[in-house]
N, C-alpha and C. Protein backbone atom coordinates (compact mmCIF):
# COMPACT_ATOMS: atom_id res chain seq x y z
N UNK A 1 39.59 64.26 -33.77
CA UNK A 1 40.13 64.49 -35.09
C UNK A 1 41.39 63.68 -35.28
N UNK A 2 41.81 63.57 -36.51
CA UNK A 2 43.09 62.95 -36.83
C UNK A 2 43.87 63.89 -37.75
N UNK A 3 45.14 63.98 -37.47
CA UNK A 3 46.03 64.73 -38.36
C UNK A 3 46.86 63.69 -39.09
N UNK A 4 46.88 63.77 -40.41
CA UNK A 4 47.67 62.84 -41.21
C UNK A 4 48.91 63.58 -41.70
N UNK A 5 50.01 62.92 -41.40
CA UNK A 5 51.29 63.54 -41.75
C UNK A 5 52.15 62.47 -42.39
N UNK A 6 52.17 62.44 -43.70
CA UNK A 6 52.85 61.39 -44.44
C UNK A 6 52.13 60.06 -44.20
N UNK A 7 52.86 59.07 -43.70
CA UNK A 7 52.28 57.76 -43.39
C UNK A 7 51.71 57.72 -41.97
N UNK A 8 51.88 58.75 -41.22
CA UNK A 8 51.52 58.77 -39.80
C UNK A 8 50.15 59.42 -39.61
N UNK A 9 49.39 58.84 -38.70
CA UNK A 9 48.09 59.39 -38.32
C UNK A 9 48.14 59.69 -36.83
N UNK A 10 47.83 60.90 -36.45
CA UNK A 10 47.90 61.30 -35.04
C UNK A 10 46.49 61.70 -34.58
N UNK A 11 45.90 60.90 -33.66
CA UNK A 11 44.60 61.32 -33.14
C UNK A 11 44.78 62.48 -32.17
N UNK A 12 43.90 63.47 -32.29
CA UNK A 12 44.00 64.63 -31.39
C UNK A 12 42.63 64.94 -30.82
N UNK A 13 42.66 65.63 -29.69
CA UNK A 13 41.44 66.10 -29.04
C UNK A 13 41.53 67.62 -29.02
N UNK A 14 40.43 68.28 -29.36
CA UNK A 14 40.43 69.74 -29.44
C UNK A 14 39.49 70.28 -28.38
N UNK A 15 40.00 71.26 -27.62
CA UNK A 15 39.16 71.99 -26.67
C UNK A 15 39.21 73.46 -27.10
N UNK A 16 38.06 74.11 -27.25
CA UNK A 16 38.03 75.50 -27.72
C UNK A 16 37.22 76.36 -26.75
N UNK A 17 37.60 77.65 -26.69
CA UNK A 17 36.92 78.58 -25.79
C UNK A 17 36.67 79.87 -26.57
N UNK A 18 35.40 80.25 -26.77
CA UNK A 18 35.16 81.50 -27.51
C UNK A 18 35.47 82.72 -26.63
N UNK A 19 35.97 83.77 -27.25
CA UNK A 19 36.21 85.04 -26.55
C UNK A 19 35.16 86.01 -27.10
N UNK A 20 34.38 86.59 -26.19
CA UNK A 20 33.25 87.45 -26.57
C UNK A 20 33.59 88.91 -26.29
N UNK A 21 33.01 89.81 -27.10
CA UNK A 21 33.17 91.24 -26.82
C UNK A 21 32.07 91.67 -25.87
N UNK A 22 31.94 92.96 -25.67
CA UNK A 22 30.97 93.48 -24.72
C UNK A 22 29.53 93.27 -25.20
N UNK A 23 29.33 93.12 -26.47
CA UNK A 23 27.99 92.88 -27.00
C UNK A 23 27.66 91.39 -27.03
N UNK A 24 28.55 90.54 -26.59
CA UNK A 24 28.31 89.11 -26.56
C UNK A 24 28.59 88.43 -27.87
N UNK A 25 29.31 89.10 -28.76
CA UNK A 25 29.65 88.52 -30.03
C UNK A 25 31.01 87.86 -29.95
N UNK A 26 31.15 86.77 -30.72
CA UNK A 26 32.43 86.05 -30.73
C UNK A 26 33.42 86.88 -31.53
N UNK A 27 34.51 87.24 -30.86
CA UNK A 27 35.54 88.03 -31.51
C UNK A 27 36.62 87.10 -32.05
N UNK A 28 37.00 86.16 -31.25
CA UNK A 28 37.94 85.13 -31.67
C UNK A 28 37.79 83.97 -30.70
N UNK A 29 38.57 82.90 -30.94
CA UNK A 29 38.49 81.71 -30.09
C UNK A 29 39.90 81.21 -29.81
N UNK A 30 40.03 80.59 -28.67
CA UNK A 30 41.29 79.95 -28.31
C UNK A 30 41.04 78.44 -28.40
N UNK A 31 41.91 77.74 -29.14
CA UNK A 31 41.77 76.29 -29.30
C UNK A 31 43.05 75.61 -28.84
N UNK A 32 42.87 74.50 -28.16
CA UNK A 32 44.01 73.72 -27.67
C UNK A 32 43.91 72.34 -28.31
N UNK A 33 45.02 71.86 -28.88
CA UNK A 33 45.09 70.54 -29.51
C UNK A 33 45.95 69.64 -28.63
N UNK A 34 45.43 68.43 -28.37
CA UNK A 34 46.20 67.50 -27.52
C UNK A 34 46.29 66.14 -28.22
N UNK A 35 47.52 65.60 -28.24
CA UNK A 35 47.76 64.27 -28.84
C UNK A 35 47.19 63.21 -27.88
N UNK A 36 46.25 62.40 -28.39
CA UNK A 36 45.63 61.35 -27.54
C UNK A 36 45.96 59.95 -28.06
N UNK A 37 47.13 59.81 -28.65
CA UNK A 37 47.55 58.51 -29.22
C UNK A 37 47.58 57.43 -28.13
N UNK A 38 48.19 57.76 -26.99
CA UNK A 38 48.29 56.77 -25.91
C UNK A 38 46.91 56.37 -25.38
N UNK A 39 46.01 57.36 -25.24
CA UNK A 39 44.65 57.05 -24.76
C UNK A 39 43.93 56.15 -25.75
N UNK A 40 44.06 56.45 -27.06
CA UNK A 40 43.41 55.61 -28.08
C UNK A 40 43.97 54.18 -28.05
N UNK A 41 45.30 54.05 -27.87
CA UNK A 41 45.90 52.71 -27.79
C UNK A 41 45.38 51.97 -26.55
N UNK A 42 45.29 52.69 -25.44
CA UNK A 42 44.78 52.07 -24.21
C UNK A 42 43.33 51.64 -24.39
N UNK A 43 42.53 52.47 -25.06
CA UNK A 43 41.13 52.12 -25.31
C UNK A 43 41.03 50.90 -26.23
N UNK A 44 41.87 50.86 -27.26
CA UNK A 44 41.85 49.71 -28.18
C UNK A 44 42.27 48.44 -27.44
N UNK A 45 43.30 48.55 -26.58
CA UNK A 45 43.73 47.39 -25.79
C UNK A 45 42.63 46.94 -24.83
N UNK A 46 41.95 47.94 -24.22
CA UNK A 46 40.86 47.59 -23.29
C UNK A 46 39.73 46.88 -24.02
N UNK A 47 39.37 47.37 -25.21
CA UNK A 47 38.30 46.74 -26.00
C UNK A 47 38.72 45.32 -26.41
N UNK A 48 39.98 45.18 -26.85
CA UNK A 48 40.46 43.85 -27.24
C UNK A 48 40.47 42.90 -26.03
N UNK A 49 40.92 43.41 -24.87
CA UNK A 49 40.95 42.59 -23.65
C UNK A 49 39.53 42.19 -23.24
N UNK A 50 38.59 43.15 -23.32
CA UNK A 50 37.19 42.88 -22.95
C UNK A 50 36.59 41.81 -23.88
N UNK A 51 36.88 41.92 -25.18
CA UNK A 51 36.36 40.93 -26.13
C UNK A 51 36.97 39.55 -25.88
N UNK A 52 38.29 39.53 -25.60
CA UNK A 52 38.95 38.25 -25.31
C UNK A 52 38.37 37.64 -24.03
N UNK A 53 38.13 38.48 -23.03
CA UNK A 53 37.55 38.00 -21.77
C UNK A 53 36.13 37.48 -22.00
N UNK A 54 35.36 38.15 -22.83
CA UNK A 54 34.00 37.69 -23.14
C UNK A 54 34.05 36.34 -23.85
N UNK A 55 35.01 36.16 -24.80
CA UNK A 55 35.15 34.87 -25.47
C UNK A 55 35.50 33.77 -24.47
N UNK A 56 36.44 34.09 -23.56
CA UNK A 56 36.84 33.09 -22.56
C UNK A 56 35.69 32.76 -21.61
N UNK A 57 34.92 33.77 -21.23
CA UNK A 57 33.75 33.53 -20.37
C UNK A 57 32.72 32.65 -21.07
N UNK A 58 32.53 32.91 -22.36
CA UNK A 58 31.57 32.10 -23.12
C UNK A 58 32.05 30.66 -23.21
N UNK A 59 33.36 30.48 -23.45
CA UNK A 59 33.93 29.13 -23.52
C UNK A 59 33.81 28.44 -22.15
N UNK A 60 34.06 29.20 -21.08
CA UNK A 60 33.95 28.64 -19.73
C UNK A 60 32.51 28.23 -19.43
N UNK A 61 31.54 29.06 -19.81
CA UNK A 61 30.13 28.71 -19.61
C UNK A 61 29.77 27.43 -20.37
N UNK A 62 30.30 27.31 -21.59
CA UNK A 62 30.02 26.11 -22.39
C UNK A 62 30.62 24.88 -21.73
N UNK A 63 31.86 25.00 -21.22
CA UNK A 63 32.50 23.88 -20.53
C UNK A 63 31.72 23.53 -19.26
N UNK A 64 31.28 24.56 -18.52
CA UNK A 64 30.50 24.31 -17.31
C UNK A 64 29.18 23.61 -17.63
N UNK A 65 28.54 24.02 -18.73
CA UNK A 65 27.28 23.38 -19.13
C UNK A 65 27.53 21.93 -19.51
N UNK A 66 28.62 21.68 -20.24
CA UNK A 66 28.95 20.31 -20.63
C UNK A 66 29.28 19.47 -19.40
N UNK A 67 30.00 20.07 -18.45
CA UNK A 67 30.35 19.35 -17.21
C UNK A 67 29.09 19.05 -16.40
N UNK A 68 28.18 20.02 -16.32
CA UNK A 68 26.93 19.79 -15.59
C UNK A 68 26.12 18.68 -16.24
N UNK A 69 26.08 18.67 -17.57
CA UNK A 69 25.36 17.60 -18.27
C UNK A 69 26.02 16.24 -18.03
N UNK A 70 27.36 16.22 -18.07
CA UNK A 70 28.08 14.98 -17.78
C UNK A 70 27.79 14.50 -16.36
N UNK A 71 27.76 15.44 -15.41
CA UNK A 71 27.45 15.08 -14.01
C UNK A 71 26.05 14.51 -13.89
N UNK A 72 25.07 15.14 -14.59
CA UNK A 72 23.70 14.63 -14.54
C UNK A 72 23.63 13.22 -15.13
N UNK A 73 24.32 13.03 -16.25
CA UNK A 73 24.33 11.71 -16.88
C UNK A 73 24.97 10.68 -15.96
N UNK A 74 26.10 11.06 -15.36
CA UNK A 74 26.80 10.14 -14.45
C UNK A 74 25.95 9.83 -13.23
N UNK A 75 25.31 10.85 -12.65
CA UNK A 75 24.45 10.62 -11.48
C UNK A 75 23.29 9.69 -11.84
N UNK A 76 22.72 9.88 -13.03
CA UNK A 76 21.61 9.02 -13.46
C UNK A 76 22.09 7.59 -13.62
N UNK A 77 23.27 7.42 -14.23
CA UNK A 77 23.80 6.07 -14.41
C UNK A 77 24.11 5.41 -13.08
N UNK A 78 24.68 6.20 -12.14
CA UNK A 78 24.98 5.66 -10.80
C UNK A 78 23.68 5.27 -10.10
N UNK A 79 22.66 6.11 -10.22
CA UNK A 79 21.37 5.82 -9.60
C UNK A 79 20.76 4.53 -10.18
N UNK A 80 20.79 4.43 -11.50
CA UNK A 80 20.24 3.24 -12.15
C UNK A 80 21.01 1.99 -11.75
N UNK A 81 22.34 2.10 -11.73
CA UNK A 81 23.18 0.95 -11.36
C UNK A 81 22.95 0.55 -9.90
N UNK A 82 22.81 1.56 -9.04
CA UNK A 82 22.55 1.28 -7.62
C UNK A 82 21.22 0.56 -7.45
N UNK A 83 20.20 1.01 -8.20
CA UNK A 83 18.90 0.34 -8.14
C UNK A 83 19.01 -1.10 -8.64
N UNK A 84 19.75 -1.29 -9.74
CA UNK A 84 19.93 -2.64 -10.27
C UNK A 84 20.62 -3.54 -9.24
N UNK A 85 21.68 -3.00 -8.63
CA UNK A 85 22.43 -3.78 -7.64
C UNK A 85 21.59 -4.06 -6.40
N UNK A 86 20.79 -3.07 -5.97
CA UNK A 86 19.91 -3.29 -4.81
C UNK A 86 18.89 -4.38 -5.10
N UNK A 87 18.32 -4.32 -6.30
CA UNK A 87 17.35 -5.34 -6.69
C UNK A 87 18.02 -6.72 -6.74
N UNK A 88 19.21 -6.77 -7.34
CA UNK A 88 19.94 -8.04 -7.42
C UNK A 88 20.25 -8.56 -6.03
N UNK A 89 20.64 -7.66 -5.12
CA UNK A 89 20.94 -8.07 -3.75
C UNK A 89 19.69 -8.62 -3.06
N UNK A 90 18.54 -7.98 -3.28
CA UNK A 90 17.29 -8.48 -2.69
C UNK A 90 16.96 -9.87 -3.24
N UNK A 91 17.13 -10.03 -4.54
CA UNK A 91 16.86 -11.34 -5.15
C UNK A 91 17.80 -12.39 -4.57
N UNK A 92 19.07 -12.03 -4.44
CA UNK A 92 20.04 -12.97 -3.89
C UNK A 92 19.70 -13.34 -2.44
N UNK A 93 19.30 -12.35 -1.65
CA UNK A 93 18.93 -12.62 -0.26
C UNK A 93 17.71 -13.53 -0.19
N UNK A 94 16.72 -13.24 -1.04
CA UNK A 94 15.52 -14.07 -1.05
C UNK A 94 15.86 -15.49 -1.48
N UNK A 95 16.72 -15.60 -2.51
CA UNK A 95 17.13 -16.93 -2.98
C UNK A 95 17.89 -17.67 -1.89
N UNK A 96 18.77 -16.93 -1.21
CA UNK A 96 19.54 -17.55 -0.13
C UNK A 96 18.61 -18.05 0.97
N UNK A 97 17.62 -17.23 1.34
CA UNK A 97 16.69 -17.64 2.38
C UNK A 97 15.88 -18.86 1.94
N UNK A 98 15.45 -18.86 0.66
CA UNK A 98 14.71 -20.02 0.16
C UNK A 98 15.58 -21.28 0.17
N UNK A 99 16.85 -21.11 -0.21
CA UNK A 99 17.76 -22.25 -0.19
C UNK A 99 17.98 -22.77 1.24
N UNK A 100 18.05 -21.83 2.19
CA UNK A 100 18.19 -22.25 3.58
C UNK A 100 16.99 -23.08 4.02
N UNK A 101 15.80 -22.64 3.62
CA UNK A 101 14.59 -23.39 3.96
C UNK A 101 14.64 -24.77 3.31
N UNK A 102 15.01 -24.80 2.01
CA UNK A 102 15.08 -26.07 1.30
C UNK A 102 16.12 -27.00 1.92
N UNK A 103 17.29 -26.44 2.27
CA UNK A 103 18.33 -27.24 2.91
C UNK A 103 17.86 -27.78 4.25
N UNK A 104 17.17 -26.91 5.00
CA UNK A 104 16.66 -27.35 6.29
C UNK A 104 15.64 -28.47 6.11
N UNK A 105 14.79 -28.34 5.06
CA UNK A 105 13.83 -29.40 4.78
C UNK A 105 14.54 -30.72 4.47
N UNK A 106 15.60 -30.61 3.67
CA UNK A 106 16.35 -31.82 3.33
C UNK A 106 17.03 -32.42 4.56
N UNK A 107 17.64 -31.54 5.38
CA UNK A 107 18.30 -32.05 6.59
C UNK A 107 17.30 -32.69 7.53
N UNK A 108 16.13 -32.03 7.68
CA UNK A 108 15.14 -32.58 8.61
C UNK A 108 14.60 -33.92 8.10
N UNK A 109 14.52 -34.07 6.78
CA UNK A 109 14.04 -35.33 6.22
C UNK A 109 15.08 -36.44 6.40
N UNK A 110 16.39 -36.06 6.34
CA UNK A 110 17.45 -37.05 6.45
C UNK A 110 17.69 -37.51 7.88
N UNK A 111 17.56 -36.56 8.82
CA UNK A 111 17.93 -36.92 10.21
C UNK A 111 16.75 -36.84 11.16
N UNK A 112 15.62 -37.35 10.75
CA UNK A 112 14.41 -37.28 11.58
C UNK A 112 14.55 -38.10 12.86
N UNK A 113 15.38 -39.12 12.86
CA UNK A 113 15.46 -40.00 14.03
C UNK A 113 16.31 -39.41 15.14
N UNK A 114 17.14 -38.40 14.90
CA UNK A 114 18.07 -37.92 15.92
C UNK A 114 17.61 -36.69 16.68
N UNK A 115 16.33 -36.37 16.69
CA UNK A 115 15.86 -35.16 17.37
C UNK A 115 15.88 -35.30 18.87
N UNK A 116 16.20 -34.16 19.54
CA UNK A 116 16.01 -34.06 20.98
C UNK A 116 14.80 -33.17 21.16
N UNK A 117 13.84 -33.61 21.91
CA UNK A 117 12.60 -32.88 22.04
C UNK A 117 12.70 -31.80 23.11
N UNK A 118 12.05 -30.67 22.83
CA UNK A 118 12.02 -29.53 23.74
C UNK A 118 10.56 -29.36 24.14
N UNK A 119 10.30 -29.34 25.43
CA UNK A 119 8.92 -29.28 25.89
C UNK A 119 8.63 -27.86 26.37
N UNK A 120 7.55 -27.27 25.84
CA UNK A 120 7.09 -25.95 26.28
C UNK A 120 7.90 -24.81 25.67
N UNK A 121 7.20 -23.79 25.20
CA UNK A 121 7.86 -22.61 24.63
C UNK A 121 8.42 -22.89 23.25
N UNK A 122 9.14 -21.90 22.72
CA UNK A 122 9.68 -22.05 21.37
C UNK A 122 11.11 -22.56 21.43
N UNK A 123 11.51 -23.23 20.36
CA UNK A 123 12.89 -23.70 20.25
C UNK A 123 13.81 -22.52 19.98
N UNK A 124 15.05 -22.60 20.44
CA UNK A 124 16.01 -21.53 20.12
C UNK A 124 16.22 -21.43 18.61
N UNK A 125 16.71 -20.28 18.16
CA UNK A 125 16.88 -20.04 16.72
C UNK A 125 17.80 -21.07 16.08
N UNK A 126 18.85 -21.46 16.77
CA UNK A 126 19.83 -22.36 16.17
C UNK A 126 19.63 -23.81 16.59
N UNK A 127 18.43 -24.12 17.03
CA UNK A 127 18.17 -25.47 17.52
C UNK A 127 18.24 -26.48 16.37
N UNK A 128 19.07 -27.54 16.52
CA UNK A 128 19.15 -28.54 15.45
C UNK A 128 17.91 -29.44 15.40
N UNK A 129 17.06 -29.32 16.40
CA UNK A 129 15.89 -30.20 16.44
C UNK A 129 14.66 -29.55 15.82
N UNK A 130 14.81 -28.33 15.33
CA UNK A 130 13.66 -27.68 14.70
C UNK A 130 13.34 -28.40 13.39
N UNK A 131 12.12 -28.81 13.24
CA UNK A 131 11.68 -29.53 12.03
C UNK A 131 11.08 -28.53 11.06
N UNK A 132 11.78 -28.33 9.96
CA UNK A 132 11.29 -27.40 8.93
C UNK A 132 10.21 -28.10 8.11
N UNK A 133 9.10 -27.39 7.93
CA UNK A 133 7.98 -27.97 7.17
C UNK A 133 7.73 -27.13 5.92
N UNK A 134 6.97 -27.64 5.02
CA UNK A 134 6.67 -26.87 3.81
C UNK A 134 5.89 -25.61 4.16
N UNK A 135 5.18 -25.62 5.30
CA UNK A 135 4.43 -24.43 5.73
C UNK A 135 5.40 -23.28 6.02
N UNK A 136 6.63 -23.62 6.47
CA UNK A 136 7.63 -22.57 6.72
C UNK A 136 7.89 -21.80 5.44
N UNK A 137 8.05 -22.52 4.33
CA UNK A 137 8.31 -21.89 3.03
C UNK A 137 7.14 -21.01 2.61
N UNK A 138 5.92 -21.52 2.77
CA UNK A 138 4.73 -20.76 2.35
C UNK A 138 4.57 -19.49 3.19
N UNK A 139 4.77 -19.61 4.50
CA UNK A 139 4.64 -18.44 5.38
C UNK A 139 5.71 -17.41 5.03
N UNK A 140 6.93 -17.85 4.89
CA UNK A 140 8.05 -16.95 4.57
C UNK A 140 7.78 -16.19 3.26
N UNK A 141 7.38 -16.91 2.22
CA UNK A 141 7.15 -16.26 0.92
C UNK A 141 5.97 -15.29 0.99
N UNK A 142 4.92 -15.65 1.72
CA UNK A 142 3.76 -14.76 1.84
C UNK A 142 4.12 -13.49 2.59
N UNK A 143 4.90 -13.62 3.66
CA UNK A 143 5.32 -12.44 4.42
C UNK A 143 6.22 -11.53 3.58
N UNK A 144 7.10 -12.11 2.79
CA UNK A 144 7.97 -11.30 1.93
C UNK A 144 7.15 -10.51 0.91
N UNK A 145 6.02 -11.06 0.50
CA UNK A 145 5.14 -10.35 -0.45
C UNK A 145 4.30 -9.30 0.26
N UNK A 146 4.39 -9.23 1.60
CA UNK A 146 3.65 -8.24 2.36
C UNK A 146 2.24 -8.67 2.70
N UNK A 147 1.97 -9.95 2.64
CA UNK A 147 0.62 -10.44 2.94
C UNK A 147 0.44 -10.61 4.45
N UNK A 148 -0.78 -10.40 4.93
CA UNK A 148 -1.12 -10.64 6.32
C UNK A 148 -1.34 -12.15 6.49
N UNK A 149 -0.65 -12.74 7.48
CA UNK A 149 -0.71 -14.20 7.64
C UNK A 149 -1.16 -14.56 9.06
N UNK A 150 -1.92 -15.63 9.16
CA UNK A 150 -2.32 -16.21 10.44
C UNK A 150 -1.83 -17.64 10.49
N UNK A 151 -1.38 -18.06 11.67
CA UNK A 151 -0.97 -19.46 11.85
C UNK A 151 -1.87 -20.05 12.92
N UNK A 152 -2.72 -20.99 12.52
CA UNK A 152 -3.64 -21.65 13.45
C UNK A 152 -3.21 -23.10 13.61
N UNK A 153 -3.12 -23.53 14.86
CA UNK A 153 -2.82 -24.94 15.14
C UNK A 153 -3.10 -25.19 16.62
N UNK A 154 -3.10 -26.45 16.99
CA UNK A 154 -3.32 -26.81 18.39
C UNK A 154 -2.10 -26.44 19.22
N UNK A 155 -2.20 -26.60 20.53
CA UNK A 155 -1.09 -26.32 21.44
C UNK A 155 0.08 -27.25 21.16
N UNK A 156 1.30 -26.71 21.41
CA UNK A 156 2.53 -27.49 21.34
C UNK A 156 2.78 -28.10 19.95
N UNK A 157 2.43 -27.35 18.92
CA UNK A 157 2.64 -27.87 17.56
C UNK A 157 3.71 -27.07 16.79
N UNK A 158 4.39 -26.13 17.48
CA UNK A 158 5.51 -25.43 16.86
C UNK A 158 5.21 -24.04 16.31
N UNK A 159 4.10 -23.44 16.74
CA UNK A 159 3.77 -22.11 16.22
C UNK A 159 4.82 -21.08 16.67
N UNK A 160 5.18 -21.10 17.95
CA UNK A 160 6.17 -20.15 18.47
C UNK A 160 7.54 -20.38 17.84
N UNK A 161 7.92 -21.63 17.68
CA UNK A 161 9.21 -21.94 17.05
C UNK A 161 9.22 -21.47 15.59
N UNK A 162 8.09 -21.65 14.92
CA UNK A 162 7.97 -21.16 13.55
C UNK A 162 8.17 -19.65 13.51
N UNK A 163 7.52 -18.94 14.45
CA UNK A 163 7.67 -17.48 14.53
C UNK A 163 9.13 -17.10 14.72
N UNK A 164 9.84 -17.76 15.63
CA UNK A 164 11.25 -17.46 15.90
C UNK A 164 12.09 -17.66 14.64
N UNK A 165 11.88 -18.79 13.95
CA UNK A 165 12.67 -19.09 12.75
C UNK A 165 12.41 -18.09 11.62
N UNK A 166 11.14 -17.77 11.41
CA UNK A 166 10.79 -16.83 10.32
C UNK A 166 11.30 -15.43 10.66
N UNK A 167 11.17 -15.02 11.93
CA UNK A 167 11.68 -13.69 12.32
C UNK A 167 13.18 -13.60 12.08
N UNK A 168 13.91 -14.66 12.39
CA UNK A 168 15.36 -14.65 12.18
C UNK A 168 15.68 -14.45 10.69
N UNK A 169 14.98 -15.19 9.84
CA UNK A 169 15.24 -15.06 8.40
C UNK A 169 14.89 -13.65 7.90
N UNK A 170 13.76 -13.13 8.37
CA UNK A 170 13.33 -11.80 7.92
C UNK A 170 14.29 -10.72 8.42
N UNK A 171 14.79 -10.85 9.64
CA UNK A 171 15.73 -9.87 10.18
C UNK A 171 17.05 -9.92 9.43
N UNK A 172 17.46 -11.10 8.98
CA UNK A 172 18.68 -11.20 8.17
C UNK A 172 18.54 -10.43 6.86
N UNK A 173 17.31 -10.28 6.39
CA UNK A 173 17.05 -9.51 5.16
C UNK A 173 16.67 -8.07 5.48
N UNK A 174 16.94 -7.65 6.72
CA UNK A 174 16.74 -6.28 7.18
C UNK A 174 15.27 -5.87 7.25
N UNK A 175 14.38 -6.84 7.50
CA UNK A 175 12.99 -6.51 7.80
C UNK A 175 12.92 -6.22 9.30
N UNK A 176 12.08 -5.26 9.69
CA UNK A 176 11.88 -4.97 11.11
C UNK A 176 10.80 -5.91 11.62
N UNK A 177 11.11 -6.65 12.67
CA UNK A 177 10.18 -7.64 13.21
C UNK A 177 9.93 -7.36 14.68
N UNK A 178 8.74 -7.68 15.16
CA UNK A 178 8.40 -7.52 16.58
C UNK A 178 7.50 -8.68 16.99
N UNK A 179 7.65 -9.10 18.25
CA UNK A 179 6.82 -10.17 18.79
C UNK A 179 6.02 -9.60 19.97
N UNK A 180 4.71 -9.77 19.93
CA UNK A 180 3.83 -9.29 21.02
C UNK A 180 3.07 -10.50 21.54
N UNK A 181 3.21 -10.78 22.83
CA UNK A 181 2.56 -11.93 23.44
C UNK A 181 1.26 -11.48 24.09
N UNK A 182 0.13 -11.72 23.43
CA UNK A 182 -1.16 -11.30 23.95
C UNK A 182 -1.62 -12.18 25.11
N UNK A 183 -1.02 -13.35 25.23
CA UNK A 183 -1.48 -14.27 26.30
C UNK A 183 -1.14 -13.72 27.68
N UNK A 184 -0.16 -12.80 27.76
CA UNK A 184 0.21 -12.24 29.06
C UNK A 184 -0.63 -11.01 29.41
N UNK A 185 -1.38 -10.51 28.45
CA UNK A 185 -2.15 -9.29 28.69
C UNK A 185 -3.54 -9.66 29.22
N UNK A 186 -3.84 -9.21 30.42
CA UNK A 186 -5.16 -9.42 30.99
C UNK A 186 -5.48 -10.86 31.29
N UNK A 187 -4.47 -11.67 31.66
CA UNK A 187 -4.75 -13.08 31.93
C UNK A 187 -4.72 -13.39 33.43
N UNK A 188 -4.32 -12.46 34.25
CA UNK A 188 -4.24 -12.71 35.69
C UNK A 188 -5.06 -11.67 36.45
N UNK A 189 -5.76 -12.12 37.47
CA UNK A 189 -6.53 -11.23 38.36
C UNK A 189 -7.43 -10.28 37.59
N UNK A 190 -8.17 -10.82 36.66
CA UNK A 190 -9.05 -9.96 35.86
C UNK A 190 -10.36 -10.73 35.61
N UNK A 191 -11.46 -9.98 35.67
CA UNK A 191 -12.77 -10.61 35.47
C UNK A 191 -13.10 -10.67 33.98
N UNK A 192 -14.13 -11.44 33.68
CA UNK A 192 -14.57 -11.54 32.28
C UNK A 192 -15.01 -10.18 31.78
N UNK A 193 -15.69 -9.42 32.65
CA UNK A 193 -16.18 -8.09 32.24
C UNK A 193 -15.00 -7.16 31.95
N UNK A 194 -13.96 -7.22 32.81
CA UNK A 194 -12.78 -6.36 32.58
C UNK A 194 -12.07 -6.76 31.28
N UNK A 195 -12.00 -8.05 31.00
CA UNK A 195 -11.33 -8.50 29.77
C UNK A 195 -12.06 -7.96 28.55
């Protein structure tokens, strides 16, 4: 209830207790009135605080959603840029390798008379006497495309040296390379039937 007294309004709480006679009839009642102004103010403050907190939580959720969207956009842009840069790096590496082959072809054409010959086995990777041929370019490009390649030629014509040179170039581009020498497998103390 509220009691209005001039300009003032006083909220009150009433507790009542009936007094009964022997027949169970209400004879009179005792009522207690208590001023609950402070409780009402505390309740109003609590409601206002709860509403303000709900508004702040809603604003925080909106900021978090915007931040999450910004993060997703940024991550996507970083991913796309990384892919672009990786592709550009691959193109640059391939171009560099092709230029190395072309330069080697030019050098080998210019200084053909100054070779020191190496007999048996493959030439070292940095051998200045390695003669780069156009087949080197074709093999390198085919391998980069993932094609299966065979190199057929007579003995002592540079197949092993070609393998060494191409493996070096491919390893510089972070390709995994392996060399397996089948000529050593089953070539000693073995019969035709065992082979």
